Protein backbone atom coordinates (compact mmCIF):
# COMPACT_ATOMS: atom_id res chain seq x y z
CA UNK A 1 0.00 0.00 0.00
CA UNK A 2 2.89 2.34 0.80
CA UNK A 3 4.24 1.81 -2.71
CA UNK A 4 0.85 2.66 -4.20
CA UNK A 5 0.71 5.86 -2.16
CA UNK A 6 4.18 6.88 -3.29
CA UNK A 7 3.38 6.12 -6.95
CA UNK A 8 0.12 8.06 -6.77
CA UNK A 9 1.80 11.00 -5.07
CA UNK A 10 4.52 11.07 -7.69
CA UNK A 11 2.02 10.78 -10.56
CA UNK A 12 -0.02 13.69 -9.15
CA UNK A 13 3.02 15.79 -8.19
CA UNK A 14 1.94 15.78 -4.57
CA UNK A 15 3.45 14.69 -1.30
CA UNK A 16 2.32 11.60 0.56
CA UNK A 17 1.27 13.91 3.40
CA UNK A 18 -1.10 15.73 1.04
CA UNK A 19 -2.62 12.43 -0.06
CA UNK A 20 -3.09 11.27 3.53
CA UNK A 21 -4.65 14.60 4.55
CA UNK A 22 -7.07 14.39 1.62
CA UNK A 23 -7.87 10.76 2.40
CA UNK A 24 -8.52 11.58 6.05
CA UNK A 25 -10.76 14.53 5.15
CA UNK A 26 -12.72 12.27 2.82
CA UNK A 27 -12.99 9.60 5.51
CA UNK A 28 -14.23 12.16 8.05
CA UNK A 29 -16.82 13.55 5.60
CA UNK A 30 -18.16 10.05 4.91
CA UNK A 31 -18.21 9.20 8.62
CA UNK A 32 -20.10 12.40 9.46
CA UNK A 33 -22.53 11.80 6.59
CA UNK A 34 -23.28 8.31 7.96
CA UNK A 35 -23.82 9.69 11.47
CA UNK A 36 -26.19 12.33 10.10
CA UNK A 37 -28.08 9.75 8.07
CA UNK A 38 -28.56 7.51 11.13
CA UNK A 39 -29.63 10.52 13.20
CA UNK A 40 -32.15 11.58 10.57
CA UNK A 41 -33.59 8.06 10.40
CA UNK A 42 -33.85 7.91 14.19
CA UNK A 43 -35.45 11.37 14.28
CA UNK A 44 -37.95 10.42 11.57
CA UNK A 45 -38.86 7.28 13.51
CA UNK A 46 -39.40 9.30 16.70
CA UNK A 47 -41.22 12.07 14.86
CA UNK A 48 -43.81 10.26 12.71
CA UNK A 49 -45.84 13.44 12.18
CA UNK A 50 -42.82 15.19 10.64
CA UNK A 51 -42.92 18.21 12.95
CA UNK A 52 -40.21 20.81 12.50
CA UNK A 53 -38.81 23.25 15.08
CA UNK A 54 -41.06 25.92 13.59
CA UNK A 55 -44.10 23.66 14.05
CA UNK A 56 -43.22 22.99 17.68
CA UNK A 57 -42.76 26.70 18.44
CA UNK A 58 -46.12 27.47 16.79
CA UNK A 59 -47.91 24.69 18.66
CA UNK A 60 -46.51 25.87 22.00
CA UNK A 61 -47.65 29.40 21.26
CA UNK A 62 -51.14 28.13 20.30
CA UNK A 63 -51.37 25.93 23.40
CA UNK A 64 -50.41 28.82 25.70
CA UNK A 65 -52.94 31.09 23.99
CA UNK A 66 -55.67 28.47 24.52
CA UNK A 67 -54.72 28.20 28.21
CA UNK A 68 -54.88 31.99 28.65
CA UNK A 69 -58.28 32.08 26.93
CA UNK A 70 -59.60 29.23 29.11
CA UNK A 71 -58.55 31.06 32.32
CA UNK A 72 -60.54 34.19 31.42
C-alpha atoms as a PDB file:
ATOM      1  CA  UNK A   1       0.000   0.000   0.000  1.00  0.00           C
ATOM      2  CA  UNK A   2       2.895   2.336   0.799  1.00  0.00           C
ATOM      3  CA  UNK A   3       4.241   1.805  -2.705  1.00  0.00           C
ATOM      4  CA  UNK A   4       0.850   2.659  -4.196  1.00  0.00           C
ATOM      5  CA  UNK A   5       0.710   5.857  -2.157  1.00  0.00           C
ATOM      6  CA  UNK A   6       4.179   6.876  -3.285  1.00  0.00           C
ATOM      7  CA  UNK A   7       3.384   6.116  -6.948  1.00  0.00           C
ATOM      8  CA  UNK A   8       0.123   8.056  -6.767  1.00  0.00           C
ATOM      9  CA  UNK A   9       1.800  11.001  -5.070  1.00  0.00           C
ATOM     10  CA  UNK A  10       4.522  11.066  -7.686  1.00  0.00           C
ATOM     11  CA  UNK A  11       2.018  10.777 -10.557  1.00  0.00           C
ATOM     12  CA  UNK A  12      -0.019  13.689  -9.147  1.00  0.00           C
ATOM     13  CA  UNK A  13       3.024  15.792  -8.190  1.00  0.00           C
ATOM     14  CA  UNK A  14       1.938  15.777  -4.572  1.00  0.00           C
ATOM     15  CA  UNK A  15       3.448  14.690  -1.298  1.00  0.00           C
ATOM     16  CA  UNK A  16       2.318  11.600   0.559  1.00  0.00           C
ATOM     17  CA  UNK A  17       1.270  13.915   3.402  1.00  0.00           C
ATOM     18  CA  UNK A  18      -1.098  15.730   1.044  1.00  0.00           C
ATOM     19  CA  UNK A  19      -2.624  12.435  -0.055  1.00  0.00           C
ATOM     20  CA  UNK A  20      -3.088  11.272   3.526  1.00  0.00           C
ATOM     21  CA  UNK A  21      -4.654  14.599   4.551  1.00  0.00           C
ATOM     22  CA  UNK A  22      -7.067  14.388   1.623  1.00  0.00           C
ATOM     23  CA  UNK A  23      -7.865  10.757   2.403  1.00  0.00           C
ATOM     24  CA  UNK A  24      -8.518  11.580   6.051  1.00  0.00           C
ATOM     25  CA  UNK A  25     -10.761  14.532   5.151  1.00  0.00           C
ATOM     26  CA  UNK A  26     -12.717  12.274   2.816  1.00  0.00           C
ATOM     27  CA  UNK A  27     -12.991   9.604   5.507  1.00  0.00           C
ATOM     28  CA  UNK A  28     -14.233  12.164   8.049  1.00  0.00           C
ATOM     29  CA  UNK A  29     -16.819  13.550   5.600  1.00  0.00           C
ATOM     30  CA  UNK A  30     -18.156  10.048   4.911  1.00  0.00           C
ATOM     31  CA  UNK A  31     -18.212   9.205   8.619  1.00  0.00           C
ATOM     32  CA  UNK A  32     -20.100  12.396   9.457  1.00  0.00           C
ATOM     33  CA  UNK A  33     -22.532  11.795   6.589  1.00  0.00           C
ATOM     34  CA  UNK A  34     -23.277   8.308   7.962  1.00  0.00           C
ATOM     35  CA  UNK A  35     -23.824   9.686  11.467  1.00  0.00           C
ATOM     36  CA  UNK A  36     -26.195  12.334  10.103  1.00  0.00           C
ATOM     37  CA  UNK A  37     -28.082   9.750   8.069  1.00  0.00           C
ATOM     38  CA  UNK A  38     -28.559   7.512  11.130  1.00  0.00           C
ATOM     39  CA  UNK A  39     -29.629  10.516  13.204  1.00  0.00           C
ATOM     40  CA  UNK A  40     -32.152  11.576  10.572  1.00  0.00           C
ATOM     41  CA  UNK A  41     -33.595   8.060  10.398  1.00  0.00           C
ATOM     42  CA  UNK A  42     -33.852   7.912  14.189  1.00  0.00           C
ATOM     43  CA  UNK A  43     -35.446  11.367  14.277  1.00  0.00           C
ATOM     44  CA  UNK A  44     -37.947  10.417  11.567  1.00  0.00           C
ATOM     45  CA  UNK A  45     -38.864   7.280  13.512  1.00  0.00           C
ATOM     46  CA  UNK A  46     -39.397   9.299  16.703  1.00  0.00           C
ATOM     47  CA  UNK A  47     -41.220  12.071  14.859  1.00  0.00           C
ATOM     48  CA  UNK A  48     -43.805  10.259  12.708  1.00  0.00           C
ATOM     49  CA  UNK A  49     -45.840  13.436  12.176  1.00  0.00           C
ATOM     50  CA  UNK A  50     -42.817  15.187  10.645  1.00  0.00           C
ATOM     51  CA  UNK A  51     -42.920  18.208  12.955  1.00  0.00           C
ATOM     52  CA  UNK A  52     -40.207  20.809  12.504  1.00  0.00           C
ATOM     53  CA  UNK A  53     -38.813  23.248  15.079  1.00  0.00           C
ATOM     54  CA  UNK A  54     -41.059  25.918  13.585  1.00  0.00           C
ATOM     55  CA  UNK A  55     -44.100  23.664  14.049  1.00  0.00           C
ATOM     56  CA  UNK A  56     -43.215  22.994  17.682  1.00  0.00           C
ATOM     57  CA  UNK A  57     -42.760  26.698  18.443  1.00  0.00           C
ATOM     58  CA  UNK A  58     -46.116  27.473  16.786  1.00  0.00           C
ATOM     59  CA  UNK A  59     -47.913  24.691  18.658  1.00  0.00           C
ATOM     60  CA  UNK A  60     -46.509  25.868  21.998  1.00  0.00           C
ATOM     61  CA  UNK A  61     -47.655  29.403  21.257  1.00  0.00           C
ATOM     62  CA  UNK A  62     -51.145  28.128  20.298  1.00  0.00           C
ATOM     63  CA  UNK A  63     -51.367  25.933  23.405  1.00  0.00           C
ATOM     64  CA  UNK A  64     -50.413  28.817  25.701  1.00  0.00           C
ATOM     65  CA  UNK A  65     -52.941  31.095  23.990  1.00  0.00           C
ATOM     66  CA  UNK A  66     -55.670  28.473  24.521  1.00  0.00           C
ATOM     67  CA  UNK A  67     -54.722  28.202  28.207  1.00  0.00           C
ATOM     68  CA  UNK A  68     -54.884  31.987  28.648  1.00  0.00           C
ATOM     69  CA  UNK A  69     -58.276  32.082  26.934  1.00  0.00           C
ATOM     70  CA  UNK A  70     -59.599  29.231  29.114  1.00  0.00           C
ATOM     71  CA  UNK A  71     -58.549  31.064  32.321  1.00  0.00           C
ATOM     72  CA  UNK A  72     -60.541  34.195  31.423  1.00  0.00           C
END
